[in-house]
Protein backbone atom coordinates (compact mmCIF):
# COMPACT_ATOMS: atom_id res chain seq x y z
CA MET A 1 50.14 -45.30 -27.14
CA SER A 2 53.49 -44.11 -28.48
CA GLU A 3 55.83 -44.88 -25.58
CA LEU A 4 55.91 -46.91 -22.38
CA SER A 5 58.28 -46.06 -19.54
CA LEU A 6 58.82 -47.44 -16.06
CA THR A 7 58.95 -45.21 -13.00
CA TRP A 8 60.73 -47.85 -10.88
CA PRO A 9 62.56 -50.08 -13.38
CA TRP A 10 64.63 -51.67 -10.61
CA ALA A 11 61.49 -53.54 -9.51
CA LEU A 12 61.95 -55.78 -12.56
CA VAL A 13 64.46 -57.71 -10.46
CA GLY A 14 61.41 -59.37 -8.93
CA LEU A 15 60.82 -61.20 -12.22
CA LEU A 16 63.73 -63.46 -11.33
CA VAL A 17 61.35 -65.36 -9.05
CA VAL A 18 59.24 -66.47 -12.04
CA PRO A 19 61.77 -68.98 -13.52
CA LEU A 20 62.47 -70.20 -9.98
CA LEU A 21 58.76 -70.94 -9.50
CA VAL A 22 58.64 -72.76 -12.85
CA LEU A 23 61.60 -74.93 -11.86
CA GLY A 24 60.06 -75.60 -8.45
CA TYR A 25 56.73 -76.56 -10.05
CA ARG A 26 58.42 -79.01 -12.42
CA ARG A 27 60.36 -80.52 -9.50
CA VAL A 28 57.16 -81.03 -7.49
CA LEU A 29 55.55 -82.74 -10.50
CA ARG A 30 58.47 -85.13 -10.87
CA LYS A 31 58.34 -86.04 -7.16
CA GLN A 32 54.58 -86.63 -7.36
CA GLU A 33 54.95 -88.84 -10.45
CA ALA A 34 57.80 -90.83 -8.87
CA ARG A 35 55.81 -91.40 -5.64
CA ARG A 36 52.67 -92.44 -7.53
CA ALA A 37 54.71 -94.82 -9.70
CA ALA A 38 56.20 -96.42 -6.57
CA LEU A 39 52.77 -96.83 -4.97
CA ALA A 40 51.39 -98.27 -8.22
CA ALA A 41 54.23 -100.81 -8.35
CA ASN A 42 53.15 -102.05 -4.93
CA GLY A 43 49.53 -102.24 -6.05
CA LEU A 44 48.43 -99.52 -3.71
CA VAL A 45 47.13 -97.12 -6.41
CA ILE A 46 46.27 -97.41 -10.05
CA PRO A 47 48.88 -96.15 -12.51
CA ALA A 48 48.48 -92.43 -13.22
CA PRO A 49 47.32 -91.43 -16.72
CA ALA A 50 49.56 -89.13 -18.75
CA ARG A 51 49.10 -85.47 -17.84
CA SER A 52 47.41 -83.30 -20.47
CA ARG A 53 48.52 -79.82 -21.32
CA TRP A 54 45.38 -78.41 -19.73
CA SER A 55 46.44 -79.78 -16.36
CA HIS A 56 49.13 -77.09 -16.22
CA LEU A 57 46.72 -74.24 -16.97
CA GLY A 58 45.92 -73.32 -13.35
CA PRO A 59 49.54 -73.14 -12.15
CA ALA A 60 50.55 -71.32 -15.32
CA LEU A 61 47.92 -68.63 -14.70
CA LEU A 62 49.02 -68.26 -11.08
CA ILE A 63 52.68 -67.86 -12.04
CA GLY A 64 51.72 -65.43 -14.82
CA ALA A 65 49.71 -63.40 -12.29
CA LEU A 66 52.77 -63.11 -10.09
CA GLY A 67 54.88 -61.89 -13.03
CA VAL A 68 52.30 -59.23 -13.93
CA MET A 69 52.16 -58.12 -10.27
CA VAL A 70 55.90 -57.51 -10.42
CA LEU A 71 55.39 -55.42 -13.56
CA ALA A 72 52.77 -53.38 -11.70
CA LEU A 73 55.39 -52.61 -9.03
CA THR A 74 57.45 -50.76 -11.66
CA ARG A 75 54.63 -48.16 -12.00
CA PRO A 76 54.48 -48.17 -15.82
CA VAL A 77 53.62 -44.88 -17.56
CA ALA A 78 52.11 -44.79 -21.06
CA SER A 79 52.60 -41.67 -23.19
CA VAL A 80 49.39 -41.26 -25.18
CA ALA A 81 48.91 -38.87 -28.09
CA GLU A 82 45.62 -37.09 -27.38
CA PRO A 83 43.86 -34.98 -30.04
CA HIS A 84 42.60 -31.52 -29.12
CA ARG A 85 41.48 -28.41 -30.91
CA GLU A 86 43.35 -25.15 -30.67
CA GLY A 87 43.43 -21.72 -32.25
CA THR A 88 44.86 -18.23 -31.93
CA VAL A 89 42.86 -15.00 -31.84
CA VAL A 90 44.51 -11.57 -32.05
CA LEU A 91 42.52 -8.67 -30.62
CA ALA A 92 43.79 -5.71 -32.67
CA PHE A 93 42.60 -2.42 -31.13
CA ASP A 94 42.51 0.86 -33.00
CA VAL A 95 43.96 3.35 -30.47
CA SER A 96 43.87 6.43 -32.67
CA GLY A 97 42.47 9.70 -31.39
CA SER A 98 39.10 9.12 -33.08
CA MET A 99 38.51 6.14 -30.77
CA ALA A 100 37.83 8.61 -27.95
CA ALA A 101 34.58 9.61 -29.71
CA THR A 102 31.46 9.07 -27.64
CA ASP A 103 28.92 8.12 -30.32
CA VAL A 104 29.26 4.65 -28.72
CA LYS A 105 29.01 4.93 -24.95
CA PRO A 106 31.10 5.49 -22.93
CA SER A 107 33.51 5.79 -25.89
CA ARG A 108 34.44 3.73 -28.92
CA LEU A 109 37.59 2.36 -27.30
CA GLU A 110 35.99 1.69 -23.91
CA ALA A 111 33.09 -0.13 -25.61
CA ALA A 112 35.60 -2.24 -27.52
CA LYS A 113 37.50 -3.04 -24.33
CA ALA A 114 34.29 -4.06 -22.53
CA ALA A 115 33.28 -6.33 -25.41
CA ALA A 116 36.79 -7.82 -25.50
CA ARG A 117 36.65 -8.66 -21.80
CA GLY A 118 33.43 -10.60 -22.35
CA PHE A 119 34.96 -12.36 -25.36
CA VAL A 120 38.08 -13.39 -23.42
CA ALA A 121 36.04 -14.78 -20.53
CA LYS A 122 34.13 -17.14 -22.83
CA GLN A 123 37.10 -18.70 -24.63
CA PRO A 124 38.28 -22.24 -23.79
CA ALA A 125 41.84 -22.83 -22.62
CA SER A 126 42.76 -24.26 -26.06
CA VAL A 127 42.40 -20.78 -27.62
CA ARG A 128 45.39 -18.49 -27.25
CA ILE A 129 44.78 -14.74 -27.32
CA ALA A 130 47.11 -11.89 -28.29
CA VAL A 131 46.62 -8.11 -28.08
CA VAL A 132 47.79 -5.58 -30.67
CA ALA A 133 47.47 -1.80 -30.42
CA PHE A 134 47.63 0.13 -33.68
CA GLY A 135 47.45 3.78 -34.57
CA GLY A 136 50.09 5.16 -36.88
CA THR A 137 52.02 1.93 -36.26
CA GLY A 138 51.15 -1.55 -35.00
CA LEU A 139 52.51 -2.79 -31.66
CA VAL A 140 52.15 -6.27 -30.15
CA THR A 141 51.36 -5.52 -26.50
CA GLN A 142 50.67 -9.15 -25.56
CA ARG A 143 51.94 -12.20 -27.42
CA PRO A 144 49.59 -15.19 -27.89
CA THR A 145 48.97 -16.75 -24.49
CA ASP A 146 46.43 -18.77 -22.53
CA ASP A 147 47.00 -16.49 -19.52
CA ARG A 148 43.69 -14.64 -19.43
CA ALA A 149 44.87 -12.25 -16.70
CA ALA A 150 47.78 -11.08 -18.87
CA VAL A 151 45.44 -10.51 -21.82
CA LEU A 152 42.98 -8.47 -19.74
CA ALA A 153 45.83 -6.40 -18.29
CA ALA A 154 47.08 -5.60 -21.81
CA VAL A 155 43.56 -4.54 -22.83
CA ALA A 156 43.17 -2.31 -19.78
CA ARG A 157 46.37 -0.38 -20.62
CA LEU A 158 45.10 0.86 -24.02
CA ARG A 159 44.65 4.62 -24.46
CA PRO A 160 43.52 6.61 -27.56
CA ALA A 161 46.04 8.88 -29.33
CA GLY A 162 47.51 9.48 -32.78
CA ASP A 163 46.60 8.49 -36.34
CA THR A 164 45.12 5.33 -37.86
CA SER A 165 46.73 2.81 -40.22
CA LEU A 166 44.60 -0.24 -40.94
CA THR A 167 47.55 -1.79 -42.76
CA ASP A 168 49.71 -1.56 -39.66
CA GLY A 169 46.88 -3.03 -37.59
CA ILE A 170 46.72 -6.09 -39.85
CA LEU A 171 50.51 -6.43 -40.03
CA GLY A 172 50.69 -6.14 -36.24
CA GLY A 173 48.19 -8.99 -35.93
CA LEU A 174 50.23 -11.12 -38.35
CA SER A 175 53.39 -10.32 -36.37
CA ALA A 176 51.73 -11.61 -33.20
CA ILE A 177 50.71 -14.84 -34.96
CA VAL A 178 54.01 -15.44 -36.75
CA GLY A 179 56.13 -14.47 -33.76
CA LYS A 180 58.30 -11.97 -35.64
CA PRO A 181 57.82 -8.58 -37.34
CA VAL A 182 55.94 -8.80 -40.65
CA LYS A 183 56.88 -6.25 -43.29
CA PRO A 184 54.43 -4.41 -45.53
CA PRO A 185 53.46 -6.40 -48.64
CA SER A 186 55.52 -4.15 -50.97
CA ASP A 187 58.71 -4.81 -48.94
CA THR A 188 57.95 -8.53 -48.79
CA GLU A 189 57.53 -8.79 -52.55
CA GLN A 190 60.86 -7.05 -53.20
CA GLY A 191 62.69 -9.49 -50.92
CA ALA A 192 60.82 -12.60 -51.98
CA GLY A 193 63.06 -13.34 -54.96
CA THR A 194 61.82 -16.05 -57.28
CA GLY A 195 59.66 -17.93 -54.79
CA ALA A 196 56.32 -19.43 -55.73
CA ALA A 197 53.76 -16.74 -56.45
CA GLU A 198 51.06 -18.43 -54.41
CA GLU A 199 53.18 -19.10 -51.33
CA SER A 200 52.80 -16.77 -48.36
CA PRO A 201 56.15 -15.35 -47.15
CA VAL A 202 54.92 -15.62 -43.55
CA GLY A 203 53.89 -19.30 -43.77
CA TYR A 204 50.48 -20.84 -43.26
CA HIS A 205 48.62 -20.43 -39.96
CA GLY A 206 45.26 -22.15 -40.07
CA GLY A 207 42.95 -21.84 -37.09
CA THR A 208 43.89 -18.19 -36.49
CA ALA A 209 41.96 -14.93 -36.72
CA ILE A 210 42.54 -11.21 -36.26
CA VAL A 211 39.66 -9.33 -34.65
CA LEU A 212 40.05 -5.78 -35.95
CA LEU A 213 38.33 -3.38 -33.53
CA THR A 214 38.28 -0.03 -35.30
CA ASP A 215 36.14 2.79 -36.65
CA GLY A 216 37.65 2.19 -40.09
CA GLU A 217 38.92 5.76 -40.55
CA ASP A 218 42.32 5.31 -42.19
CA THR A 219 44.41 8.48 -42.03
CA THR A 220 47.14 7.11 -44.34
CA ASP A 221 47.24 6.88 -48.13
CA GLU A 222 48.06 3.17 -48.06
CA SER A 223 45.19 0.79 -48.80
CA PRO A 224 44.82 -2.17 -46.38
CA SER A 225 44.02 -4.50 -49.30
CA GLY A 226 47.65 -5.63 -49.70
CA ALA A 227 47.96 -6.57 -46.02
CA ALA A 228 44.58 -8.31 -46.19
CA GLU A 229 45.73 -10.39 -49.17
CA LEU A 230 48.89 -11.32 -47.26
CA ALA A 231 46.75 -12.48 -44.32
CA SER A 232 44.49 -14.45 -46.65
CA ALA A 233 47.46 -16.25 -48.21
CA ALA A 234 48.61 -17.18 -44.68
CA GLY A 235 45.21 -18.69 -43.83
CA VAL A 236 44.40 -15.93 -41.32
CA LYS A 237 40.85 -14.63 -41.19
CA ILE A 238 40.23 -10.98 -40.36
CA GLU A 239 37.00 -10.31 -38.44
CA PRO A 240 36.44 -6.50 -38.41
CA ILE A 241 34.24 -5.05 -35.68
CA GLY A 242 32.87 -1.60 -36.60
CA LEU A 243 33.03 0.95 -33.78
CA GLY A 244 31.03 4.15 -33.96
CA THR A 245 28.09 5.23 -36.08
CA PRO A 246 27.90 6.15 -39.79
CA THR A 247 26.49 9.56 -38.86
CA GLY A 248 29.47 10.13 -36.59
CA THR A 249 30.26 12.84 -34.08
CA THR A 250 33.00 15.36 -33.32
CA ILE A 251 36.09 15.22 -31.11
CA THR A 252 38.49 17.91 -29.91
CA VAL A 253 42.19 17.37 -30.66
CA ASP A 254 44.76 20.03 -29.64
CA GLY A 255 42.04 22.67 -29.57
CA PHE A 256 40.63 21.73 -32.98
CA THR A 257 37.20 20.20 -33.51
CA LEU A 258 37.29 17.26 -35.91
CA ALA A 259 34.48 15.20 -37.38
CA THR A 260 34.72 11.44 -37.16
CA ALA A 261 32.40 8.67 -38.38
CA LEU A 262 32.42 4.91 -38.88
CA ASP A 263 33.84 3.98 -42.32
CA GLU A 264 32.47 0.53 -43.12
CA SER A 265 33.55 0.19 -46.76
CA ALA A 266 37.22 -0.61 -46.04
CA LEU A 267 36.29 -3.00 -43.24
CA ARG A 268 33.85 -4.92 -45.44
CA ALA A 269 36.51 -5.24 -48.14
CA VAL A 270 39.10 -6.57 -45.65
CA ALA A 271 36.64 -9.14 -44.31
CA GLU A 272 35.68 -10.28 -47.80
CA THR A 273 39.33 -10.69 -48.85
CA THR A 274 40.17 -13.00 -45.93
CA GLY A 275 36.90 -14.92 -45.64
CA GLY A 276 35.92 -13.14 -42.43
CA THR A 277 32.71 -11.35 -41.50
CA TYR A 278 32.19 -7.66 -40.82
CA ARG A 279 30.06 -6.95 -37.73
CA ARG A 280 28.53 -3.99 -35.92
CA PRO A 281 27.64 -2.80 -33.36
CA SER A 282 30.61 -3.55 -31.09
CA ASP A 283 28.87 -5.30 -28.25
CA ALA A 284 29.77 -8.47 -26.37
CA ALA A 285 27.40 -10.64 -28.40
CA SER A 286 28.88 -9.45 -31.69
CA LEU A 287 32.44 -10.04 -30.55
CA ALA A 288 31.67 -13.46 -29.03
CA ALA A 289 30.27 -14.57 -32.40
CA VAL A 290 33.77 -14.23 -33.88
CA TYR A 291 34.88 -17.39 -32.08
CA ASP A 292 32.29 -19.46 -33.93
CA ALA A 293 33.80 -18.34 -37.23
CA ILE A 294 37.28 -19.58 -36.33
CA GLU A 295 38.06 -22.98 -37.83
CA LEU A 296 40.06 -24.54 -35.01
CA GLN A 297 42.66 -27.05 -36.12
CA TRP A 298 43.14 -30.53 -34.70
CA THR A 299 46.53 -31.20 -33.15
CA THR A 300 47.91 -33.88 -30.86
CA ARG A 301 49.94 -33.64 -27.70
CA THR A 302 51.60 -36.42 -25.76
CA VAL A 303 50.18 -36.84 -22.26
CA PRO A 304 51.71 -39.31 -19.75
CA HIS A 305 49.28 -41.61 -17.93
CA GLU A 306 50.30 -44.04 -15.20
CA VAL A 307 48.74 -47.44 -16.00
CA THR A 308 49.64 -49.27 -12.80
CA SER A 309 45.99 -49.87 -11.98
CA TRP A 310 45.39 -51.50 -15.36
CA VAL A 311 48.37 -53.82 -14.96
CA ALA A 312 47.28 -54.70 -11.40
CA ALA A 313 43.77 -55.43 -12.68
CA LEU A 314 45.22 -57.83 -15.27
CA ALA A 315 47.20 -59.56 -12.52
CA ALA A 316 44.01 -59.92 -10.44
CA VAL A 317 42.17 -61.49 -13.40
CA LEU A 318 44.98 -63.99 -13.99
CA LEU A 319 45.10 -64.82 -10.27
CA LEU A 320 41.35 -65.38 -10.09
CA GLY A 321 41.40 -67.47 -13.26
CA GLY A 322 44.27 -69.63 -12.06
CA ALA A 323 42.65 -70.20 -8.66
CA THR A 324 39.31 -71.11 -10.27
CA VAL A 325 40.86 -73.62 -12.69
CA SER A 326 42.93 -75.24 -9.93
CA VAL A 327 39.93 -75.63 -7.59
CA LEU A 328 37.77 -77.12 -10.34
CA ARG A 329 40.43 -79.63 -11.41
CA GLN A 330 41.90 -80.75 -8.09
CA GLY A 331 39.74 -79.22 -5.34
CA ARG A 332 42.44 -76.86 -4.08
CA VAL A 333 44.35 -73.84 -5.28
CA ILE A 334 47.81 -75.34 -4.87
């Protein structure tokens, strides 16, 4: 419990009755002692023995119960730090023209979208999901969110067209995690200055993963190894999902017939660099297994809880205890 607040603090005015009850109790005791002394002087009763401290226990419990009841009227609220596990997963979709190939039915991209929908449906609310579309460039189409409807809508909008840059796909995923554009590793190194060699320029983001849904065919000359190393330094795992078949097929682009096939070598290297796992085929079971590989981090969040019932229960215990002691000692509650 880190903080205690009162919903109705003005109810504390009722505590003013407690000292009044104490004064009244002491006055009643003095009157009883004076009357008994007078009767004893006339030989009507025996002199009263000195009162022990335990003789005040019953009334003290009753008065304490009243004070706690007043506290319950304030409706106290305790702010409790509760631990929970959370993580972020970026679904990075290759939307290049080769993703329209039908060697995976109904097409590589549609199979990836179907698997992603099953993956999203199985994730707990503590996992935030982002969507990135990459071809010749990487674009964050949905920032990390726990709104599953928004994620599914972003997935449904994806269409195949253009080239493929695995580097931009990884950088797009890092941009979604960091919350700002991430530059290629070469640009980052030039602007890093004299910072520590082992420190990631994008910070550390444990409990995050980029699911790279692609056929692995990179149409650029830039190797994705630099971007993968940047992700590894940031604590981000890359979990590539291979789409297509090694034997491949052909697609028609602007009247030209082009051959396309799954390139697994680059995807295996990216997974190995970041501590992820390469998987194929791209079905729902394969994609759902990615979640098990994510090391969710423990965090705490402050949650308010009204504890009026607990305070009232304490008052009831004190009241019952005071009444029991009073009955046992003098045969009556008051």
